[in-house]
Amino acid sequence: MIRPLADRVVIQPKEAETKTASGLYIPDTAKEKPQQGTVVAAGPGRKDEPMEVKVGDVVLYGKFAGTEVSVDGVDYLIMKQSDILAVL
């Protein structure tokens, strides 16, 4: 497992939608990048900035936030806590 440092978090992105509300299937080339995910690991924080998110939180983040990594075939995002927009 990945252990983030300082104020970084590891997020497992939500799967992209494959079907619209009206029942149409979306091709892979037209799928939008998800902006929601679950925190799977969080660093200890910084002395002047404690961690506000914890493991298990569902969060919203910017479309181009974070760095994508793949560990054992599972895709994750590593980003700073400040890149998280909201906790759901």
N, C-alpha and C. Protein backbone atom coordinates (compact mmCIF):
# COMPACT_ATOMS: atom_id res chain seq x y z
N MET A 1 0.85 -1.19 0.00
CA MET A 1 0.00 0.00 0.00
C MET A 1 0.88 1.24 0.00
N ILE A 2 0.32 2.30 -0.47
CA ILE A 2 1.03 3.58 -0.55
C ILE A 2 0.85 4.32 0.76
N ARG A 3 1.94 4.86 1.30
CA ARG A 3 1.87 5.66 2.53
C ARG A 3 2.27 7.09 2.16
N PRO A 4 1.31 8.01 2.07
CA PRO A 4 1.62 9.38 1.69
C PRO A 4 2.34 10.14 2.80
N LEU A 5 3.12 11.13 2.41
CA LEU A 5 3.88 11.94 3.35
C LEU A 5 3.22 13.31 3.53
N ALA A 6 3.50 13.94 4.64
CA ALA A 6 3.05 15.30 4.97
C ALA A 6 1.55 15.48 4.75
N ASP A 7 1.17 16.44 3.90
CA ASP A 7 -0.26 16.75 3.72
C ASP A 7 -0.82 16.14 2.43
N ARG A 8 -0.29 15.02 2.03
CA ARG A 8 -0.76 14.34 0.81
C ARG A 8 -1.78 13.25 1.17
N VAL A 9 -2.68 12.97 0.20
CA VAL A 9 -3.67 11.92 0.37
C VAL A 9 -3.67 11.03 -0.87
N VAL A 10 -4.05 9.78 -0.69
CA VAL A 10 -4.20 8.84 -1.80
C VAL A 10 -5.69 8.62 -1.98
N ILE A 11 -6.16 8.82 -3.22
CA ILE A 11 -7.58 8.72 -3.52
C ILE A 11 -7.80 7.67 -4.59
N GLN A 12 -8.82 6.83 -4.39
CA GLN A 12 -9.23 5.88 -5.43
C GLN A 12 -10.41 6.53 -6.15
N PRO A 13 -10.21 6.93 -7.43
CA PRO A 13 -11.28 7.62 -8.15
C PRO A 13 -12.49 6.73 -8.38
N LYS A 14 -13.64 7.35 -8.42
CA LYS A 14 -14.89 6.66 -8.74
C LYS A 14 -14.85 6.28 -10.22
N GLU A 15 -15.44 5.16 -10.56
CA GLU A 15 -15.48 4.71 -11.96
C GLU A 15 -16.27 5.71 -12.80
N ALA A 16 -15.83 5.93 -14.04
CA ALA A 16 -16.52 6.82 -14.95
C ALA A 16 -17.86 6.20 -15.35
N GLU A 17 -18.85 7.05 -15.55
CA GLU A 17 -20.19 6.59 -15.95
C GLU A 17 -20.13 5.94 -17.32
N THR A 18 -20.82 4.81 -17.48
CA THR A 18 -20.84 4.12 -18.77
C THR A 18 -22.18 4.27 -19.48
N LYS A 19 -23.18 4.80 -18.75
CA LYS A 19 -24.51 4.94 -19.33
C LYS A 19 -25.14 6.25 -18.84
N THR A 20 -25.82 6.94 -19.73
CA THR A 20 -26.49 8.18 -19.35
C THR A 20 -27.78 7.88 -18.60
N ALA A 21 -28.40 8.92 -18.06
CA ALA A 21 -29.65 8.75 -17.33
C ALA A 21 -30.77 8.26 -18.24
N SER A 22 -30.69 8.59 -19.53
CA SER A 22 -31.73 8.16 -20.46
C SER A 22 -31.48 6.76 -21.02
N GLY A 23 -30.34 6.14 -20.67
CA GLY A 23 -30.07 4.77 -21.07
C GLY A 23 -29.11 4.60 -22.22
N LEU A 24 -28.52 5.70 -22.71
CA LEU A 24 -27.55 5.60 -23.79
C LEU A 24 -26.17 5.23 -23.23
N TYR A 25 -25.46 4.35 -23.93
CA TYR A 25 -24.12 3.96 -23.50
C TYR A 25 -23.10 4.96 -24.01
N ILE A 26 -22.14 5.31 -23.16
CA ILE A 26 -21.11 6.29 -23.50
C ILE A 26 -19.87 5.54 -23.96
N PRO A 27 -19.33 5.86 -25.16
CA PRO A 27 -18.11 5.19 -25.60
C PRO A 27 -16.90 5.64 -24.77
N ASP A 28 -15.85 4.80 -24.74
CA ASP A 28 -14.67 5.11 -23.95
C ASP A 28 -14.05 6.45 -24.31
N THR A 29 -14.10 6.83 -25.57
CA THR A 29 -13.48 8.08 -26.01
C THR A 29 -14.23 9.31 -25.53
N ALA A 30 -15.49 9.17 -25.15
CA ALA A 30 -16.31 10.32 -24.73
C ALA A 30 -16.49 10.40 -23.22
N LYS A 31 -15.96 9.43 -22.48
CA LYS A 31 -16.13 9.45 -21.02
C LYS A 31 -15.34 10.60 -20.41
N GLU A 32 -15.94 11.24 -19.44
CA GLU A 32 -15.25 12.31 -18.72
C GLU A 32 -14.49 11.73 -17.54
N LYS A 33 -13.40 12.39 -17.21
CA LYS A 33 -12.58 11.98 -16.08
C LYS A 33 -13.37 12.23 -14.79
N PRO A 34 -13.45 11.23 -13.90
CA PRO A 34 -14.21 11.42 -12.66
C PRO A 34 -13.56 12.48 -11.76
N GLN A 35 -14.39 13.19 -11.01
CA GLN A 35 -13.90 14.21 -10.09
C GLN A 35 -14.30 13.88 -8.65
N GLN A 36 -14.59 12.62 -8.40
CA GLN A 36 -15.01 12.17 -7.08
C GLN A 36 -14.29 10.88 -6.78
N GLY A 37 -13.93 10.68 -5.52
CA GLY A 37 -13.27 9.46 -5.13
C GLY A 37 -13.27 9.27 -3.63
N THR A 38 -12.68 8.14 -3.21
CA THR A 38 -12.62 7.78 -1.80
C THR A 38 -11.19 7.85 -1.31
N VAL A 39 -10.97 8.46 -0.15
CA VAL A 39 -9.64 8.55 0.44
C VAL A 39 -9.27 7.17 0.98
N VAL A 40 -8.15 6.61 0.52
CA VAL A 40 -7.71 5.31 0.99
C VAL A 40 -6.50 5.40 1.92
N ALA A 41 -5.81 6.56 1.90
CA ALA A 41 -4.69 6.78 2.81
C ALA A 41 -4.46 8.28 2.94
N ALA A 42 -4.03 8.71 4.11
CA ALA A 42 -3.76 10.12 4.35
C ALA A 42 -2.47 10.25 5.15
N GLY A 43 -1.69 11.28 4.82
CA GLY A 43 -0.46 11.54 5.54
C GLY A 43 -0.74 12.13 6.92
N PRO A 44 0.31 12.35 7.71
CA PRO A 44 0.12 12.87 9.06
C PRO A 44 -0.21 14.35 9.13
N GLY A 45 -0.04 15.09 8.03
CA GLY A 45 -0.28 16.53 8.03
C GLY A 45 1.01 17.28 8.30
N ARG A 46 0.92 18.58 8.31
CA ARG A 46 2.07 19.44 8.63
C ARG A 46 1.84 20.08 9.99
N LYS A 47 2.91 20.61 10.55
CA LYS A 47 2.81 21.21 11.87
C LYS A 47 1.81 22.37 11.89
N ASP A 48 1.82 23.19 10.82
CA ASP A 48 0.94 24.35 10.76
C ASP A 48 -0.38 24.06 10.03
N GLU A 49 -0.56 22.82 9.50
CA GLU A 49 -1.77 22.48 8.76
C GLU A 49 -2.17 21.03 9.07
N PRO A 50 -3.06 20.83 10.03
CA PRO A 50 -3.48 19.45 10.35
C PRO A 50 -4.36 18.87 9.25
N MET A 51 -4.43 17.56 9.16
CA MET A 51 -5.25 16.90 8.15
C MET A 51 -6.73 17.03 8.50
N GLU A 52 -7.53 17.42 7.52
CA GLU A 52 -8.97 17.57 7.71
C GLU A 52 -9.74 16.39 7.13
N VAL A 53 -9.09 15.59 6.27
CA VAL A 53 -9.75 14.42 5.69
C VAL A 53 -9.19 13.17 6.34
N LYS A 54 -9.99 12.11 6.31
CA LYS A 54 -9.53 10.85 6.90
C LYS A 54 -9.87 9.72 5.95
N VAL A 55 -9.33 8.56 6.19
CA VAL A 55 -9.57 7.39 5.35
C VAL A 55 -11.07 7.08 5.34
N GLY A 56 -11.60 6.83 4.15
CA GLY A 56 -13.01 6.52 4.00
C GLY A 56 -13.86 7.69 3.56
N ASP A 57 -13.34 8.92 3.65
CA ASP A 57 -14.10 10.10 3.20
C ASP A 57 -14.28 10.07 1.69
N VAL A 58 -15.45 10.45 1.22
CA VAL A 58 -15.71 10.62 -0.21
C VAL A 58 -15.51 12.10 -0.50
N VAL A 59 -14.62 12.41 -1.45
CA VAL A 59 -14.23 13.79 -1.69
C VAL A 59 -14.41 14.17 -3.16
N LEU A 60 -14.52 15.48 -3.39
CA LEU A 60 -14.53 16.06 -4.72
C LEU A 60 -13.20 16.78 -4.92
N TYR A 61 -12.64 16.66 -6.12
CA TYR A 61 -11.36 17.31 -6.41
C TYR A 61 -11.40 17.87 -7.82
N GLY A 62 -10.43 18.72 -8.15
CA GLY A 62 -10.37 19.34 -9.47
C GLY A 62 -10.12 18.32 -10.57
N LYS A 63 -10.56 18.64 -11.78
CA LYS A 63 -10.47 17.71 -12.90
C LYS A 63 -9.04 17.29 -13.19
N PHE A 64 -8.07 18.21 -13.06
CA PHE A 64 -6.69 17.90 -13.39
C PHE A 64 -5.79 17.86 -12.15
N ALA A 65 -6.37 17.66 -10.98
CA ALA A 65 -5.61 17.62 -9.74
C ALA A 65 -4.94 16.27 -9.54
N GLY A 66 -3.81 16.29 -8.88
CA GLY A 66 -3.15 15.05 -8.48
C GLY A 66 -2.29 14.39 -9.54
N THR A 67 -1.60 13.37 -9.10
CA THR A 67 -0.74 12.56 -9.95
C THR A 67 -1.29 11.15 -9.98
N GLU A 68 -1.49 10.63 -11.19
CA GLU A 68 -2.03 9.28 -11.33
C GLU A 68 -0.94 8.24 -11.16
N VAL A 69 -1.21 7.22 -10.35
CA VAL A 69 -0.30 6.09 -10.17
C VAL A 69 -1.12 4.80 -10.22
N SER A 70 -0.45 3.72 -10.59
CA SER A 70 -1.11 2.42 -10.63
C SER A 70 -0.29 1.45 -9.79
N VAL A 71 -0.95 0.82 -8.82
CA VAL A 71 -0.29 -0.14 -7.94
C VAL A 71 -1.09 -1.44 -8.00
N ASP A 72 -0.44 -2.51 -8.39
CA ASP A 72 -1.08 -3.83 -8.50
C ASP A 72 -2.33 -3.78 -9.38
N GLY A 73 -2.29 -2.99 -10.45
CA GLY A 73 -3.40 -2.91 -11.38
C GLY A 73 -4.53 -2.01 -10.95
N VAL A 74 -4.42 -1.35 -9.82
CA VAL A 74 -5.46 -0.44 -9.33
C VAL A 74 -4.95 0.99 -9.50
N ASP A 75 -5.79 1.87 -10.07
CA ASP A 75 -5.40 3.26 -10.29
C ASP A 75 -5.74 4.11 -9.07
N TYR A 76 -4.79 4.97 -8.70
CA TYR A 76 -4.95 5.90 -7.58
C TYR A 76 -4.52 7.28 -8.02
N LEU A 77 -4.92 8.29 -7.24
CA LEU A 77 -4.45 9.65 -7.39
C LEU A 77 -3.77 10.06 -6.10
N ILE A 78 -2.62 10.69 -6.21
CA ILE A 78 -1.95 11.26 -5.03
C ILE A 78 -1.99 12.77 -5.19
N MET A 79 -2.53 13.45 -4.19
CA MET A 79 -2.64 14.91 -4.27
C MET A 79 -2.50 15.53 -2.90
N LYS A 80 -2.26 16.84 -2.88
CA LYS A 80 -2.20 17.57 -1.62
C LYS A 80 -3.62 17.75 -1.10
N GLN A 81 -3.71 17.87 0.21
CA GLN A 81 -5.01 18.10 0.83
C GLN A 81 -5.65 19.38 0.29
N SER A 82 -4.86 20.39 -0.05
CA SER A 82 -5.41 21.65 -0.55
C SER A 82 -6.04 21.52 -1.93
N ASP A 83 -5.76 20.42 -2.68
CA ASP A 83 -6.38 20.19 -3.99
C ASP A 83 -7.79 19.63 -3.86
N ILE A 84 -8.17 19.20 -2.67
CA ILE A 84 -9.51 18.65 -2.43
C ILE A 84 -10.47 19.83 -2.25
N LEU A 85 -11.58 19.78 -3.00
CA LEU A 85 -12.53 20.88 -2.97
C LEU A 85 -13.58 20.75 -1.88
N ALA A 86 -14.04 19.50 -1.63
CA ALA A 86 -15.11 19.29 -0.65
C ALA A 86 -15.14 17.85 -0.21
N VAL A 87 -15.69 17.62 0.98
CA VAL A 87 -15.94 16.28 1.50
C VAL A 87 -17.45 16.07 1.44
N LEU A 88 -17.86 14.96 0.84
CA LEU A 88 -19.31 14.69 0.72
C LEU A 88 -19.82 13.94 1.93
